Protein backbone atom coordinates (compact mmCIF):
# COMPACT_ATOMS: atom_id res chain seq x y z
CA MET A 1 -21.78 18.23 15.10
CA ARG A 2 -21.41 16.54 18.49
CA VAL A 3 -17.97 15.46 19.58
CA ASP A 4 -18.79 11.75 19.30
CA ALA A 5 -20.37 12.23 15.87
CA ARG A 6 -17.32 14.13 14.65
CA ARG A 7 -15.06 11.43 16.02
CA ASN A 8 -17.06 8.74 14.22
CA LEU A 9 -16.89 10.70 10.96
CA GLU A 10 -13.12 11.06 11.23
CA SER A 11 -12.78 7.35 11.99
CA VAL A 12 -14.91 6.41 8.98
CA LEU A 13 -12.96 8.68 6.62
CA ARG A 14 -9.63 7.39 7.93
CA ALA A 15 -10.78 3.77 7.59
CA ALA A 16 -12.18 4.41 4.11
CA ARG A 17 -8.83 5.76 2.92
CA GLU A 18 -7.10 2.66 4.24
CA VAL A 19 -9.61 0.18 2.83
CA PHE A 20 -10.00 1.80 -0.58
CA GLY A 21 -6.24 2.33 -0.80
CA GLU A 22 -5.59 -1.36 -0.16
CA LEU A 23 -8.58 -3.02 -1.84
CA GLY A 24 -9.76 -0.44 -4.35
CA TYR A 25 -13.06 1.39 -4.54
CA GLY A 26 -14.93 -1.89 -4.92
CA ALA A 27 -14.29 -2.76 -1.25
CA PRO A 28 -17.45 -3.29 0.84
CA MET A 29 -18.77 -0.72 3.30
CA GLU A 30 -18.76 -3.43 5.96
CA GLU A 31 -14.96 -3.48 5.88
CA VAL A 32 -14.85 0.30 6.25
CA ALA A 33 -17.15 0.06 9.27
CA ARG A 34 -15.10 -2.74 10.82
CA ARG A 35 -11.84 -0.81 10.59
CA ALA A 36 -13.52 2.36 11.83
CA GLY A 37 -14.80 0.48 14.87
CA VAL A 38 -18.43 1.45 14.23
CA GLY A 39 -21.54 -0.28 12.97
CA VAL A 40 -22.25 -0.25 9.26
CA GLY A 41 -25.43 1.68 10.05
CA THR A 42 -23.28 4.52 11.40
CA VAL A 43 -21.42 4.66 8.11
CA TYR A 44 -24.65 4.78 6.10
CA ARG A 45 -26.05 7.54 8.30
CA ARG A 46 -23.14 9.74 7.27
CA PHE A 47 -22.92 8.46 3.68
CA PRO A 48 -26.22 7.18 2.24
CA SER A 49 -24.41 5.11 -0.40
CA LYS A 50 -20.92 3.86 -1.08
CA GLU A 51 -20.78 6.12 -4.14
CA VAL A 52 -21.14 9.17 -1.89
CA LEU A 53 -18.29 7.99 0.34
CA VAL A 54 -16.11 7.18 -2.68
CA ARG A 55 -16.69 10.66 -4.12
CA ARG A 56 -15.77 12.24 -0.78
CA ILE A 57 -12.51 10.30 -0.47
CA ALA A 58 -11.54 10.75 -4.13
CA SER A 59 -12.28 14.48 -3.99
CA GLU A 60 -10.16 15.02 -0.89
CA GLU A 61 -7.22 13.09 -2.30
CA VAL A 62 -7.39 14.83 -5.69
CA ALA A 63 -7.54 18.21 -3.95
CA TRP A 64 -4.48 17.38 -1.84
CA LEU A 65 -2.51 16.05 -4.81
CA THR A 66 -3.46 19.14 -6.83
CA ALA A 67 -2.25 21.52 -4.13
CA GLN A 68 1.00 19.57 -3.80
CA ALA A 69 1.55 19.63 -7.57
CA TRP A 70 1.07 23.39 -7.70
CA GLU A 71 3.51 23.91 -4.82
CA SER A 72 6.10 21.69 -6.53
CA LEU A 73 5.68 23.46 -9.84
CA ASN A 74 6.02 26.92 -8.36
CA GLY A 75 8.29 26.26 -5.41
CA ASP A 76 11.23 24.23 -6.72
CA PRO A 77 13.23 25.71 -9.62
CA GLN A 78 14.94 22.37 -10.33
CA PRO A 79 12.69 20.40 -12.72
CA TRP A 80 13.71 16.92 -11.61
CA ASP A 81 13.68 17.77 -7.90
CA ALA A 82 10.21 19.26 -8.27
CA LEU A 83 8.83 16.12 -9.92
CA ALA A 84 10.65 13.63 -7.69
CA GLY A 85 9.76 15.57 -4.55
CA TYR A 86 6.11 15.61 -5.53
CA LEU A 87 6.06 11.88 -6.18
CA SER A 88 7.81 11.17 -2.88
CA ARG A 89 5.19 13.10 -0.92
CA ALA A 90 2.39 11.29 -2.73
CA VAL A 91 4.03 7.92 -2.04
CA ALA A 92 4.46 8.77 1.64
CA THR A 93 0.69 9.21 1.99
CA GLY A 94 -0.49 6.60 -0.51
CA ALA A 95 -2.80 9.26 -1.98
CA GLY A 96 -2.11 8.16 -5.54
CA ARG A 97 -3.90 4.88 -4.96
CA LEU A 98 -7.13 6.81 -4.41
CA LEU A 99 -7.18 8.61 -7.75
CA PRO A 100 -10.55 8.25 -9.50
CA PRO A 101 -10.59 6.24 -12.77
CA GLU A 102 -11.15 9.35 -14.88
CA ALA A 103 -7.64 10.54 -13.97
CA PHE A 104 -6.21 7.83 -16.23
CA ARG A 105 -8.44 8.88 -19.09
CA TYR A 106 -7.28 12.49 -18.76
CA ALA A 107 -3.64 11.36 -18.69
CA GLU A 108 -4.05 9.23 -21.81
CA ARG A 109 -5.76 12.11 -23.60
CA MET A 110 -2.90 14.45 -22.70
CA ASP A 111 -0.34 11.99 -24.05
CA GLN A 112 -2.18 11.84 -27.36
CA VAL A 113 -2.07 15.62 -27.87
CA PRO A 114 1.40 17.19 -28.37
CA ALA A 115 2.06 20.13 -26.08
CA GLN A 116 1.90 23.53 -27.80
CA ARG A 117 4.84 24.71 -25.74
CA THR A 118 6.85 23.13 -23.01
CA ALA A 119 6.59 24.12 -19.40
CA GLY A 120 10.28 24.96 -19.39
CA GLU A 121 9.70 27.90 -21.72
CA VAL A 122 7.78 29.98 -19.19
CA PRO A 123 8.42 30.88 -15.54
CA PRO A 124 6.57 28.60 -13.08
CA MET A 125 4.28 31.36 -11.78
CA GLU A 126 3.03 31.95 -15.33
CA ILE A 127 2.20 28.31 -15.85
CA ALA A 128 -0.60 27.81 -13.39
CA ALA A 129 -2.74 29.74 -10.97
CA PRO A 130 -2.90 28.38 -7.42
CA PRO A 131 -5.75 26.02 -6.60
CA PRO A 132 -8.73 27.64 -4.86
CA PRO A 133 -8.89 27.64 -1.06
CA PRO A 134 -10.30 24.47 0.52
CA GLY A 135 -13.69 25.95 1.40
CA ASP A 136 -15.76 22.77 1.81
CA GLY A 137 -12.68 20.69 2.57
CA THR A 138 -12.13 19.36 -0.94
CA GLY A 139 -10.47 22.38 -2.57
CA ASP A 140 -9.80 21.89 -6.27
CA ALA A 141 -11.03 18.33 -6.74
CA ASP A 142 -11.06 18.31 -10.55
CA PRO A 143 -8.84 15.45 -11.85
CA ALA A 144 -8.32 17.39 -15.09
CA ARG A 145 -6.74 20.25 -13.13
CA LEU A 146 -4.46 17.79 -11.33
CA LEU A 147 -3.36 16.20 -14.60
CA GLU A 148 -2.75 19.63 -16.13
CA LEU A 149 -0.32 20.51 -13.35
CA LEU A 150 1.29 17.09 -13.40
CA GLY A 151 1.72 17.38 -17.16
CA GLN A 152 3.54 20.66 -16.65
CA LEU A 153 5.89 19.06 -14.12
CA VAL A 154 6.62 16.32 -16.64
CA GLU A 155 7.14 18.73 -19.54
CA ARG A 156 9.52 20.88 -17.51
CA ALA A 157 11.63 17.86 -16.54
CA ARG A 158 11.57 16.64 -20.13
CA SER A 159 12.69 20.04 -21.45
CA ALA A 160 15.60 19.96 -19.01
CA GLY A 161 16.67 16.58 -20.41
CA GLU A 162 16.03 14.85 -17.09
CA LEU A 163 13.42 12.33 -18.24
CA ARG A 164 14.09 9.23 -20.30
CA SER A 165 12.94 9.38 -23.89
CA GLY A 166 9.36 8.23 -24.22
CA VAL A 167 8.27 8.92 -20.63
CA ARG A 168 4.67 10.16 -20.67
CA VAL A 169 2.23 11.61 -18.17
CA THR A 170 0.53 8.22 -17.92
CA ASP A 171 3.82 6.68 -16.78
CA VAL A 172 4.06 9.19 -13.95
CA VAL A 173 0.44 8.54 -12.99
CA LEU A 174 1.31 4.84 -12.79
CA VAL A 175 4.10 5.71 -10.36
CA LEU A 176 1.51 7.46 -8.21
CA THR A 177 -0.87 4.51 -8.23
CA ALA A 178 1.89 1.98 -7.64
CA SER A 179 2.86 3.64 -4.38
CA VAL A 180 2.29 1.86 -1.09
CA PRO A 181 1.76 3.63 2.24
CA SER A 182 4.93 4.04 4.27
CA TYR A 183 5.39 2.01 7.40
CA THR A 184 7.57 1.97 10.50
CA GLU A 185 10.44 -0.48 10.64
CA PRO A 186 10.48 -3.14 13.42
CA SER A 187 13.02 -1.06 15.34
CA GLY A 188 10.38 1.63 15.70
CA GLU A 189 12.33 4.06 13.55
CA ALA A 190 11.02 5.12 10.18
CA ALA A 191 13.45 4.04 7.48
CA GLY A 192 14.19 6.91 5.14
CA ALA A 193 15.73 6.88 1.69
CA GLU A 194 18.55 9.12 0.59
CA GLY A 195 17.33 11.70 -1.89
CA VAL A 196 13.68 10.74 -1.41
CA PRO A 197 12.22 13.12 1.20
CA GLY A 198 9.03 11.97 2.84
CA ALA A 199 9.14 8.34 1.69
CA GLN A 200 9.91 5.56 4.15
CA GLY A 201 10.57 1.83 4.29
CA SER A 202 9.26 -0.24 1.41
CA SER A 203 7.69 2.86 -0.14
CA ALA A 204 11.11 4.47 -0.45
CA ARG A 205 12.64 1.40 -2.08
CA LEU A 206 9.79 1.14 -4.56
CA LEU A 207 9.90 4.84 -5.34
CA ARG A 208 13.67 4.77 -5.87
CA ILE A 209 13.30 1.97 -8.43
CA LEU A 210 10.48 3.78 -10.24
CA LEU A 211 12.28 7.12 -10.27
CA ASP A 212 15.41 5.46 -11.66
CA GLY A 213 13.23 4.19 -14.47
CA LEU A 214 11.96 7.68 -15.24
CA ARG A 215 15.19 9.66 -15.02
CA SER A 216 17.45 10.18 -17.97
CA ASP A 217 20.95 8.67 -17.76
CA GLY A 218 22.35 11.92 -19.06
């Protein structure tokens, strides 16, 4: 791929994440092209239909969220810190807003089926195998795999008594989708939030409110 073609592709993908994150997957390709600073014909040369572009963006975001969930599950021994840290990283990027619709269906299905055993009963490394290497750039882009790992993060926090009674996987997915991309404060300095690594500004305030709603008082 020529340098200019690669640059155009990166601009289109970056603009698509912004547009779809703000306006949803129903946003027009013309808006993607405008923000990318290219003609709409350039976008269609790379992606013959909007559905193809949507699948590319959704796959990349699901793959990233899946890898982050696996790292949180296997890297942080504290159940609440693992879940809260994962959500803070997702909020900082706004990736949760780009989840495909089927992710909600998987979450609802999981909430309807009682877990056979809680994630807290087995060591993290026995819970889940790592996601496959990126390969084509999308890695493990199966929403069901993402929800499986997220469900294990939720079950582990629940078993530790750190989630409010009645909190479900769908509630945590709503936290992901309610996130807004972080921004830089007028002073030019990113505004952080105590106890919420990676989140900034309005994202941090929103996340703090949502996490307070999830965490058990005990």
